[in-house]
Each structure stands twice: as structure tokens, then as C-alpha cells.
Amino acid sequence: MYDEMPDYGEKKEQPVADRFLEIPWDALETDILHALVEEFVSREGTDYGSVELSLAEKAEQVISGVKNKRYVILFDQEMQSCHVADKNNWDDSVKRGL
């Protein structure tokens, strides 16, 4: 679903840890968290497999994953946008200094 860091096709000159800020989900008000996740899951390219889900169902899956630390909310300082990424992939990227 959200396995990789966003790729904008440009060479990454700075480590992801410097470009992206991890936003704790519980630092966001509930309505802000829901709006952020709904905007994210409605983007082109989010894939949920062969089962069609409503926007609300997609959002609830992601929010559950964020609360259970499967996903992280990231703010891209360069692009001024938010993303949801797989926590293990994010942690690996930070460790490798990508």
C-alpha cells in the first residue's frame, strides 16, 4: 500500500531525515488527522488491491495503521506536502542515510 518513500525523480542531495519531518499522529487534532489521511488516500496511485473500498474505509485503514505504528506521517519540507509511509521503510531509509 505505502511501501516506498515518495520519489519525485530528482537526485536526493540531502538525507531523508533532513528533508522529511516525522509528525506524531497524536500531535494532530482528530479532524486534522482525518483530513490529512483522506487527502492522502484520495491521491492518484494509492492501491488497495482487487477489493474496492470507500474513501472512509481507506482512511480508517490508514489511521489504524498510523496509530498502531505500521505507518508514519511525514512532512516533506521541500515539497511542502504530507505523506504516509511504511514505518519500517522509513526507519531503514533514515538508518542508511538516504
PDB file of N, CA and C in Angstrom:
ATOM      1  N   MET A   1       0.829  -1.174   0.000  1.00  0.00           N
ATOM      2  CA  MET A   1       0.000   0.000   0.000  1.00  0.00           C
ATOM      3  C   MET A   1       0.880   1.247   0.000  1.00  0.00           C
ATOM      4  N   TYR A   2       1.662   1.472   1.028  1.00  0.00           N
ATOM      5  CA  TYR A   2       2.542   2.635   1.132  1.00  0.00           C
ATOM      6  C   TYR A   2       3.928   2.137   1.490  1.00  0.00           C
ATOM      7  N   ASP A   3       4.573   1.472   0.544  1.00  0.00           N
ATOM      8  CA  ASP A   3       5.813   0.799   0.862  1.00  0.00           C
ATOM      9  C   ASP A   3       7.059   1.630   0.637  1.00  0.00           C
ATOM     10  N   GLU A   4       6.992   2.640  -0.186  1.00  0.00           N
ATOM     11  CA  GLU A   4       8.199   3.363  -0.534  1.00  0.00           C
ATOM     12  C   GLU A   4       8.053   4.841  -0.223  1.00  0.00           C
ATOM     13  N   MET A   5       9.210   5.480  -0.068  1.00  0.00           N
ATOM     14  CA  MET A   5       9.226   6.914   0.113  1.00  0.00           C
ATOM     15  C   MET A   5       8.826   7.551  -1.213  1.00  0.00           C
ATOM     16  N   PRO A   6       8.203   8.731  -1.185  1.00  0.00           N
ATOM     17  CA  PRO A   6       7.851   9.394  -2.429  1.00  0.00           C
ATOM     18  C   PRO A   6       9.094   9.650  -3.272  1.00  0.00           C
ATOM     19  N   ASP A   7       8.973   9.477  -4.579  1.00  0.00           N
ATOM     20  CA  ASP A   7      10.088   9.706  -5.492  1.00  0.00           C
ATOM     21  C   ASP A   7       9.655  10.757  -6.498  1.00  0.00           C
ATOM     22  N   TYR A   8      10.314  11.885  -6.482  1.00  0.00           N
ATOM     23  CA  TYR A   8       9.966  12.965  -7.388  1.00  0.00           C
ATOM     24  C   TYR A   8      10.877  12.984  -8.609  1.00  0.00           C
ATOM     25  N   GLY A   9      11.682  11.930  -8.794  1.00  0.00           N
ATOM     26  CA  GLY A   9      12.504  11.818  -9.974  1.00  0.00           C
ATOM     27  C   GLY A   9      13.776  12.639  -9.935  1.00  0.00           C
ATOM     28  N   GLU A  10      14.021  13.323  -8.850  1.00  0.00           N
ATOM     29  CA  GLU A  10      15.234  14.104  -8.771  1.00  0.00           C
ATOM     30  C   GLU A  10      16.243  13.417  -7.862  1.00  0.00           C
ATOM     31  N   LYS A  11      17.479  13.755  -8.015  1.00  0.00           N
ATOM     32  CA  LYS A  11      18.531  13.190  -7.184  1.00  0.00           C
ATOM     33  C   LYS A  11      18.373  13.742  -5.777  1.00  0.00           C
ATOM     34  N   LYS A  12      18.393  12.857  -4.825  1.00  0.00           N
ATOM     35  CA  LYS A  12      18.261  13.267  -3.430  1.00  0.00           C
ATOM     36  C   LYS A  12      19.626  13.739  -2.931  1.00  0.00           C
ATOM     37  N   GLU A  13      19.736  15.032  -2.710  1.00  0.00           N
ATOM     38  CA  GLU A  13      21.011  15.589  -2.285  1.00  0.00           C
ATOM     39  C   GLU A  13      21.139  15.640  -0.774  1.00  0.00           C
ATOM     40  N   GLN A  14      20.042  15.628  -0.090  1.00  0.00           N
ATOM     41  CA  GLN A  14      20.097  15.657   1.364  1.00  0.00           C
ATOM     42  C   GLN A  14      19.447  14.391   1.913  1.00  0.00           C
ATOM     43  N   PRO A  15      19.902  13.934   3.066  1.00  0.00           N
ATOM     44  CA  PRO A  15      19.302  12.733   3.658  1.00  0.00           C
ATOM     45  C   PRO A  15      17.815  12.944   3.927  1.00  0.00           C
ATOM     46  N   VAL A  16      17.052  11.850   3.823  1.00  0.00           N
ATOM     47  CA  VAL A  16      15.607  11.948   4.045  1.00  0.00           C
ATOM     48  C   VAL A  16      15.276  12.491   5.424  1.00  0.00           C
ATOM     49  N   ALA A  17      16.120  12.194   6.391  1.00  0.00           N
ATOM     50  CA  ALA A  17      15.860  12.674   7.748  1.00  0.00           C
ATOM     51  C   ALA A  17      15.928  14.192   7.827  1.00  0.00           C
ATOM     52  N   ASP A  18      16.663  14.819   6.894  1.00  0.00           N
ATOM     53  CA  ASP A  18      16.735  16.278   6.860  1.00  0.00           C
ATOM     54  C   ASP A  18      15.597  16.883   6.047  1.00  0.00           C
ATOM     55  N   ARG A  19      15.123  16.144   5.063  1.00  0.00           N
ATOM     56  CA  ARG A  19      14.072  16.652   4.181  1.00  0.00           C
ATOM     57  C   ARG A  19      12.677  16.423   4.753  1.00  0.00           C
ATOM     58  N   PHE A  20      12.479  15.260   5.383  1.00  0.00           N
ATOM     59  CA  PHE A  20      11.165  14.888   5.895  1.00  0.00           C
ATOM     60  C   PHE A  20      11.132  14.985   7.413  1.00  0.00           C
ATOM     61  N   LEU A  21      10.040  15.498   7.934  1.00  0.00           N
ATOM     62  CA  LEU A  21       9.810  15.523   9.374  1.00  0.00           C
ATOM     63  C   LEU A  21       8.751  14.492   9.702  1.00  0.00           C
ATOM     64  N   GLU A  22       9.034  13.664  10.689  1.00  0.00           N
ATOM     65  CA  GLU A  22       8.029  12.705  11.144  1.00  0.00           C
ATOM     66  C   GLU A  22       7.081  13.423  12.092  1.00  0.00           C
ATOM     67  N   ILE A  23       5.793  13.343  11.772  1.00  0.00           N
ATOM     68  CA  ILE A  23       4.770  14.028  12.562  1.00  0.00           C
ATOM     69  C   ILE A  23       4.050  13.001  13.423  1.00  0.00           C
ATOM     70  N   PRO A  24       4.139  13.113  14.747  1.00  0.00           N
ATOM     71  CA  PRO A  24       3.407  12.169  15.608  1.00  0.00           C
ATOM     72  C   PRO A  24       1.898  12.331  15.389  1.00  0.00           C
ATOM     73  N   TRP A  25       1.214  11.223  15.149  1.00  0.00           N
ATOM     74  CA  TRP A  25      -0.218  11.301  14.862  1.00  0.00           C
ATOM     75  C   TRP A  25      -0.988  11.914  16.019  1.00  0.00           C
ATOM     76  N   ASP A  26      -0.544  11.656  17.248  1.00  0.00           N
ATOM     77  CA  ASP A  26      -1.281  12.159  18.405  1.00  0.00           C
ATOM     78  C   ASP A  26      -1.007  13.631  18.689  1.00  0.00           C
ATOM     79  N   ALA A  27      -0.130  14.249  17.891  1.00  0.00           N
ATOM     80  CA  ALA A  27       0.099  15.692  17.999  1.00  0.00           C
ATOM     81  C   ALA A  27      -0.910  16.462  17.142  1.00  0.00           C
ATOM     82  N   LEU A  28      -1.648  15.722  16.312  1.00  0.00           N
ATOM     83  CA  LEU A  28      -2.642  16.334  15.429  1.00  0.00           C
ATOM     84  C   LEU A  28      -4.032  16.212  16.035  1.00  0.00           C
ATOM     85  N   GLU A  29      -4.831  17.243  15.841  1.00  0.00           N
ATOM     86  CA  GLU A  29      -6.226  17.144  16.266  1.00  0.00           C
ATOM     87  C   GLU A  29      -6.918  16.114  15.385  1.00  0.00           C
ATOM     88  N   THR A  30      -7.928  15.461  15.916  1.00  0.00           N
ATOM     89  CA  THR A  30      -8.613  14.376  15.215  1.00  0.00           C
ATOM     90  C   THR A  30      -9.094  14.779  13.831  1.00  0.00           C
ATOM     91  N   ASP A  31      -9.710  15.949  13.714  1.00  0.00           N
ATOM     92  CA  ASP A  31     -10.222  16.364  12.404  1.00  0.00           C
ATOM     93  C   ASP A  31      -9.090  16.646  11.418  1.00  0.00           C
ATOM     94  N   ILE A  32      -7.965  17.145  11.905  1.00  0.00           N
ATOM     95  CA  ILE A  32      -6.798  17.390  11.042  1.00  0.00           C
ATOM     96  C   ILE A  32      -6.219  16.060  10.571  1.00  0.00           C
ATOM     97  N   LEU A  33      -6.093  15.094  11.487  1.00  0.00           N
ATOM     98  CA  LEU A  33      -5.588  13.768  11.123  1.00  0.00           C
ATOM     99  C   LEU A  33      -6.472  13.142  10.047  1.00  0.00           C
ATOM    100  N   HIS A  34      -7.784  13.183  10.237  1.00  0.00           N
ATOM    101  CA  HIS A  34      -8.707  12.598   9.268  1.00  0.00           C
ATOM    102  C   HIS A  34      -8.617  13.310   7.918  1.00  0.00           C
ATOM    103  N   ALA A  35      -8.549  14.629   7.925  1.00  0.00           N
ATOM    104  CA  ALA A  35      -8.460  15.379   6.668  1.00  0.00           C
ATOM    105  C   ALA A  35      -7.153  15.072   5.939  1.00  0.00           C
ATOM    106  N   LEU A  36      -6.056  15.001   6.675  1.00  0.00           N
ATOM    107  CA  LEU A  36      -4.761  14.693   6.083  1.00  0.00           C
ATOM    108  C   LEU A  36      -4.774  13.307   5.443  1.00  0.00           C
ATOM    109  N   VAL A  37      -5.281  12.330   6.170  1.00  0.00           N
ATOM    110  CA  VAL A  37      -5.312  10.954   5.665  1.00  0.00           C
ATOM    111  C   VAL A  37      -6.285  10.837   4.494  1.00  0.00           C
ATOM    112  N   GLU A  38      -7.441  11.467   4.570  1.00  0.00           N
ATOM    113  CA  GLU A  38      -8.399  11.403   3.462  1.00  0.00           C
ATOM    114  C   GLU A  38      -7.802  12.020   2.196  1.00  0.00           C
ATOM    115  N   GLU A  39      -7.087  13.126   2.343  1.00  0.00           N
ATOM    116  CA  GLU A  39      -6.443  13.747   1.187  1.00  0.00           C
ATOM    117  C   GLU A  39      -5.407  12.797   0.607  1.00  0.00           C
ATOM    118  N   PHE A  40      -4.648  12.155   1.482  1.00  0.00           N
ATOM    119  CA  PHE A  40      -3.601  11.244   1.023  1.00  0.00           C
ATOM    120  C   PHE A  40      -4.181  10.039   0.297  1.00  0.00           C
ATOM    121  N   VAL A  41      -5.184   9.393   0.861  1.00  0.00           N
ATOM    122  CA  VAL A  41      -5.716   8.175   0.246  1.00  0.00           C
ATOM    123  C   VAL A  41      -6.506   8.467  -1.025  1.00  0.00           C
ATOM    124  N   SER A  42      -6.911   9.707  -1.218  1.00  0.00           N
ATOM    125  CA  SER A  42      -7.643  10.051  -2.439  1.00  0.00           C
ATOM    126  C   SER A  42      -6.705  10.402  -3.596  1.00  0.00           C
ATOM    127  N   ARG A  43      -5.400  10.451  -3.341  1.00  0.00           N
ATOM    128  CA  ARG A  43      -4.441  10.751  -4.406  1.00  0.00           C
ATOM    129  C   ARG A  43      -4.389   9.629  -5.424  1.00  0.00           C
ATOM    130  N   GLU A  44      -4.060  10.003  -6.629  1.00  0.00           N
ATOM    131  CA  GLU A  44      -3.864   9.034  -7.705  1.00  0.00           C
ATOM    132  C   GLU A  44      -2.691   8.135  -7.342  1.00  0.00           C
ATOM    133  N   GLY A  45      -2.848   6.840  -7.571  1.00  0.00           N
ATOM    134  CA  GLY A  45      -1.732   5.921  -7.346  1.00  0.00           C
ATOM    135  C   GLY A  45      -1.779   5.158  -6.039  1.00  0.00           C
ATOM    136  N   THR A  46      -2.706   5.474  -5.143  1.00  0.00           N
ATOM    137  CA  THR A  46      -2.830   4.660  -3.938  1.00  0.00           C
ATOM    138  C   THR A  46      -3.564   3.391  -4.318  1.00  0.00           C
ATOM    139  N   ASP A  47      -3.019   2.248  -3.937  1.00  0.00           N
ATOM    140  CA  ASP A  47      -3.534   0.957  -4.391  1.00  0.00           C
ATOM    141  C   ASP A  47      -3.978   0.120  -3.202  1.00  0.00           C
ATOM    142  N   TYR A  48      -5.168  -0.421  -3.294  1.00  0.00           N
ATOM    143  CA  TYR A  48      -5.718  -1.251  -2.235  1.00  0.00           C
ATOM    144  C   TYR A  48      -6.010  -2.664  -2.703  1.00  0.00           C
ATOM    145  N   GLY A  49      -5.433  -3.035  -3.831  1.00  0.00           N
ATOM    146  CA  GLY A  49      -5.627  -4.388  -4.328  1.00  0.00           C
ATOM    147  C   GLY A  49      -6.908  -4.522  -5.112  1.00  0.00           C
ATOM    148  N   SER A  50      -7.415  -5.752  -5.167  1.00  0.00           N
ATOM    149  CA  SER A  50      -8.570  -6.050  -6.018  1.00  0.00           C
ATOM    150  C   SER A  50      -9.907  -5.671  -5.373  1.00  0.00           C
ATOM    151  N   VAL A  51      -9.908  -5.371  -4.086  1.00  0.00           N
ATOM    152  CA  VAL A  51     -11.151  -5.025  -3.394  1.00  0.00           C
ATOM    153  C   VAL A  51     -11.320  -3.511  -3.401  1.00  0.00           C
ATOM    154  N   GLU A  52     -12.454  -3.054  -3.906  1.00  0.00           N
ATOM    155  CA  GLU A  52     -12.746  -1.626  -3.941  1.00  0.00           C
ATOM    156  C   GLU A  52     -13.252  -1.180  -2.569  1.00  0.00           C
ATOM    157  N   LEU A  53     -12.633  -0.133  -2.034  1.00  0.00           N
ATOM    158  CA  LEU A  53     -13.021   0.390  -0.724  1.00  0.00           C
ATOM    159  C   LEU A  53     -13.487   1.829  -0.865  1.00  0.00           C
ATOM    160  N   SER A  54     -14.368   2.233   0.028  1.00  0.00           N
ATOM    161  CA  SER A  54     -14.808   3.633   0.041  1.00  0.00           C
ATOM    162  C   SER A  54     -13.676   4.491   0.609  1.00  0.00           C
ATOM    163  N   LEU A  55     -13.769   5.788   0.392  1.00  0.00           N
ATOM    164  CA  LEU A  55     -12.779   6.715   0.931  1.00  0.00           C
ATOM    165  C   LEU A  55     -12.692   6.584   2.454  1.00  0.00           C
ATOM    166  N   ALA A  56     -13.834   6.471   3.104  1.00  0.00           N
ATOM    167  CA  ALA A  56     -13.860   6.344   4.563  1.00  0.00           C
ATOM    168  C   ALA A  56     -13.173   5.058   5.025  1.00  0.00           C
ATOM    169  N   GLU A  57     -13.396   3.953   4.291  1.00  0.00           N
ATOM    170  CA  GLU A  57     -12.746   2.683   4.652  1.00  0.00           C
ATOM    171  C   GLU A  57     -11.236   2.758   4.461  1.00  0.00           C
ATOM    172  N   LYS A  58     -10.811   3.365   3.366  1.00  0.00           N
ATOM    173  CA  LYS A  58      -9.375   3.539   3.129  1.00  0.00           C
ATOM    174  C   LYS A  58      -8.745   4.383   4.234  1.00  0.00           C
ATOM    175  N   ALA A  59      -9.408   5.481   4.553  1.00  0.00           N
ATOM    176  CA  ALA A  59      -8.893   6.377   5.591  1.00  0.00           C
ATOM    177  C   ALA A  59      -8.797   5.667   6.938  1.00  0.00           C
ATOM    178  N   GLU A  60      -9.817   4.903   7.288  1.00  0.00           N
ATOM    179  CA  GLU A  60      -9.793   4.186   8.565  1.00  0.00           C
ATOM    180  C   GLU A  60      -8.673   3.154   8.620  1.00  0.00           C
ATOM    181  N   GLN A  61      -8.411   2.471   7.507  1.00  0.00           N
ATOM    182  CA  GLN A  61      -7.295   1.519   7.464  1.00  0.00           C
ATOM    183  C   GLN A  61      -5.967   2.222   7.727  1.00  0.00           C
ATOM    184  N   VAL A  62      -5.786   3.369   7.090  1.00  0.00           N
ATOM    185  CA  VAL A  62      -4.529   4.099   7.243  1.00  0.00           C
ATOM    186  C   VAL A  62      -4.410   4.674   8.652  1.00  0.00           C
ATOM    187  N   ILE A  63      -5.476   5.247   9.159  1.00  0.00           N
ATOM    188  CA  ILE A  63      -5.439   5.800  10.518  1.00  0.00           C
ATOM    189  C   ILE A  63      -5.130   4.702  11.528  1.00  0.00           C
ATOM    190  N   SER A  64      -5.738   3.554  11.372  1.00  0.00           N
ATOM    191  CA  SER A  64      -5.447   2.421  12.253  1.00  0.00           C
ATOM    192  C   SER A  64      -3.965   2.046  12.164  1.00  0.00           C
ATOM    193  N   GLY A  65      -3.428   1.994  10.946  1.00  0.00           N
ATOM    194  CA  GLY A  65      -2.017   1.670  10.757  1.00  0.00           C
ATOM    195  C   GLY A  65      -1.096   2.708  11.367  1.00  0.00           C
ATOM    196  N   VAL A  66      -1.482   3.968  11.271  1.00  0.00           N
ATOM    197  CA  VAL A  66      -0.682   5.043  11.877  1.00  0.00           C
ATOM    198  C   VAL A  66      -0.693   4.906  13.402  1.00  0.00           C
ATOM    199  N   LYS A  67      -1.865   4.687  13.960  1.00  0.00           N
ATOM    200  CA  LYS A  67      -1.979   4.553  15.417  1.00  0.00           C
ATOM    201  C   LYS A  67      -1.259   3.315  15.936  1.00  0.00           C
ATOM    202  N   ASN A  68      -1.197   2.260  15.111  1.00  0.00           N
ATOM    203  CA  ASN A  68      -0.504   1.028  15.507  1.00  0.00           C
ATOM    204  C   ASN A  68       0.967   1.017  15.096  1.00  0.00           C
ATOM    205  N   LYS A  69       1.443   2.171  14.635  1.00  0.00           N
ATOM    206  CA  LYS A  69       2.861   2.372  14.270  1.00  0.00           C
ATOM    207  C   LYS A  69       3.314   1.523  13.087  1.00  0.00           C
ATOM    208  N   ARG A  70       2.380   1.175  12.222  1.00  0.00           N
ATOM    209  CA  ARG A  70       2.735   0.497  10.976  1.00  0.00           C
ATOM    210  C   ARG A  70       3.132   1.521   9.916  1.00  0.00           C
ATOM    211  N   TYR A  71       2.493   2.695   9.975  1.00  0.00           N
ATOM    212  CA  TYR A  71       2.779   3.797   9.064  1.00  0.00           C
ATOM    213  C   TYR A  71       3.196   5.020   9.863  1.00  0.00           C
ATOM    214  N   VAL A  72       3.891   5.931   9.186  1.00  0.00           N
ATOM    215  CA  VAL A  72       4.254   7.215   9.786  1.00  0.00           C
ATOM    216  C   VAL A  72       3.744   8.333   8.885  1.00  0.00           C
ATOM    217  N   ILE A  73       3.456   9.452   9.501  1.00  0.00           N
ATOM    218  CA  ILE A  73       3.070  10.654   8.763  1.00  0.00           C
ATOM    219  C   ILE A  73       4.336  11.481   8.607  1.00  0.00           C
ATOM    220  N   LEU A  74       4.630  11.868   7.376  1.00  0.00           N
ATOM    221  CA  LEU A  74       5.836  12.623   7.085  1.00  0.00           C
ATOM    222  C   LEU A  74       5.473  13.932   6.403  1.00  0.00           C
ATOM    223  N   PHE A  75       6.177  14.989   6.793  1.00  0.00           N
ATOM    224  CA  PHE A  75       6.019  16.277   6.117  1.00  0.00           C
ATOM    225  C   PHE A  75       7.272  16.517   5.299  1.00  0.00           C
ATOM    226  N   ASP A  76       7.094  16.686   4.000  1.00  0.00           N
ATOM    227  CA  ASP A  76       8.191  16.950   3.072  1.00  0.00           C
ATOM    228  C   ASP A  76       8.423  18.458   3.051  1.00  0.00           C
ATOM    229  N   GLN A  77       9.538  18.880   3.663  1.00  0.00           N
ATOM    230  CA  GLN A  77       9.827  20.302   3.768  1.00  0.00           C
ATOM    231  C   GLN A  77      10.110  20.945   2.410  1.00  0.00           C
ATOM    232  N   GLU A  78      10.646  20.163   1.493  1.00  0.00           N
ATOM    233  CA  GLU A  78      10.971  20.687   0.173  1.00  0.00           C
ATOM    234  C   GLU A  78       9.716  20.894  -0.677  1.00  0.00           C
ATOM    235  N   MET A  79       8.844  19.908  -0.677  1.00  0.00           N
ATOM    236  CA  MET A  79       7.632  19.967  -1.495  1.00  0.00           C
ATOM    237  C   MET A  79       6.436  20.564  -0.746  1.00  0.00           C
ATOM    238  N   GLN A  80       6.585  20.780   0.567  1.00  0.00           N
ATOM    239  CA  GLN A  80       5.524  21.337   1.396  1.00  0.00           C
ATOM    240  C   GLN A  80       4.253  20.489   1.319  1.00  0.00           C
ATOM    241  N   SER A  81       4.430  19.171   1.501  1.00  0.00           N
ATOM    242  CA  SER A  81       3.292  18.255   1.450  1.00  0.00           C
ATOM    243  C   SER A  81       3.476  17.136   2.456  1.00  0.00           C
ATOM    244  N   CYS A  82       2.382  16.466   2.762  1.00  0.00           N
ATOM    245  CA  CYS A  82       2.417  15.353   3.713  1.00  0.00           C
ATOM    246  C   CYS A  82       2.284  14.030   2.977  1.00  0.00           C
ATOM    247  N   HIS A  83       2.869  13.002   3.574  1.00  0.00           N
ATOM    248  CA  HIS A  83       2.832  11.653   3.023  1.00  0.00           C
ATOM    249  C   HIS A  83       2.640  10.666   4.158  1.00  0.00           C
ATOM    250  N   VAL A  84       2.199   9.479   3.808  1.00  0.00           N
ATOM    251  CA  VAL A  84       2.119   8.373   4.745  1.00  0.00           C
ATOM    252  C   VAL A  84       3.043   7.303   4.194  1.00  0.00           C
ATOM    253  N   ALA A  85       3.946   6.814   5.037  1.00  0.00           N
ATOM    254  CA  ALA A  85       4.932   5.823   4.588  1.00  0.00           C
ATOM    255  C   ALA A  85       4.970   4.648   5.551  1.00  0.00           C
ATOM    256  N   ASP A  86       5.373   3.519   5.039  1.00  0.00           N
ATOM    257  CA  ASP A  86       5.589   2.332   5.859  1.00  0.00           C
ATOM    258  C   ASP A  86       6.684   2.640   6.878  1.00  0.00           C
ATOM    259  N   LYS A  87       6.414   2.380   8.146  1.00  0.00           N
ATOM    260  CA  LYS A  87       7.361   2.736   9.210  1.00  0.00           C
ATOM    261  C   LYS A  87       8.694   2.014   9.062  1.00  0.00           C
ATOM    262  N   ASN A  88       8.668   0.736   8.718  1.00  0.00           N
ATOM    263  CA  ASN A  88       9.930   0.005   8.565  1.00  0.00           C
ATOM    264  C   ASN A  88      10.778   0.576   7.444  1.00  0.00           C
ATOM    265  N   ASN A  89      10.144   0.920   6.326  1.00  0.00           N
ATOM    266  CA  ASN A  89      10.895   1.519   5.221  1.00  0.00           C
ATOM    267  C   ASN A  89      11.465   2.876   5.602  1.00  0.00           C
ATOM    268  N   TRP A  90      10.686   3.660   6.334  1.00  0.00           N
ATOM    269  CA  TRP A  90      11.144   4.966   6.796  1.00  0.00           C
ATOM    270  C   TRP A  90      12.345   4.793   7.728  1.00  0.00           C
ATOM    271  N   ASP A  91      12.234   3.899   8.688  1.00  0.00           N
ATOM    272  CA  ASP A  91      13.343   3.666   9.621  1.00  0.00           C
ATOM    273  C   ASP A  91      14.590   3.195   8.886  1.00  0.00           C
ATOM    274  N   ASP A  92      14.436   2.309   7.898  1.00  0.00           N
ATOM    275  CA  ASP A  92      15.579   1.828   7.105  1.00  0.00           C
ATOM    276  C   ASP A  92      16.211   2.971   6.332  1.00  0.00           C
ATOM    277  N   SER A  93      15.404   3.837   5.740  1.00  0.00           N
ATOM    278  CA  SER A  93      15.938   4.960   4.981  1.00  0.00           C
ATOM    279  C   SER A  93      16.742   5.902   5.865  1.00  0.00           C
ATOM    280  N   VAL A  94      16.245   6.132   7.059  1.00  0.00           N
ATOM    281  CA  VAL A  94      16.952   7.019   7.998  1.00  0.00           C
ATOM    282  C   VAL A  94      18.267   6.378   8.427  1.00  0.00           C
ATOM    283  N   LYS A  95      18.242   5.075   8.737  1.00  0.00           N
ATOM    284  CA  LYS A  95      19.469   4.377   9.157  1.00  0.00           C
ATOM    285  C   LYS A  95      20.522   4.398   8.072  1.00  0.00           C
ATOM    286  N   ARG A  96      20.095   4.209   6.828  1.00  0.00           N
ATOM    287  CA  ARG A  96      21.045   4.167   5.707  1.00  0.00           C
ATOM    288  C   ARG A  96      21.477   5.551   5.293  1.00  0.00           C
ATOM    289  N   GLY A  97      20.837   6.571   5.819  1.00  0.00           N
ATOM    290  CA  GLY A  97      21.194   7.936   5.478  1.00  0.00           C
ATOM    291  C   GLY A  97      20.832   8.336   4.069  1.00  0.00           C
ATOM    292  N   LEU A  98      19.803   7.712   3.519  1.00  0.00           N
ATOM    293  CA  LEU A  98      19.395   8.029   2.148  1.00  0.00           C
ATOM    294  C   LEU A  98      18.825   9.424   2.044  1.00  0.00           C
TER     295      LEU A  98
END
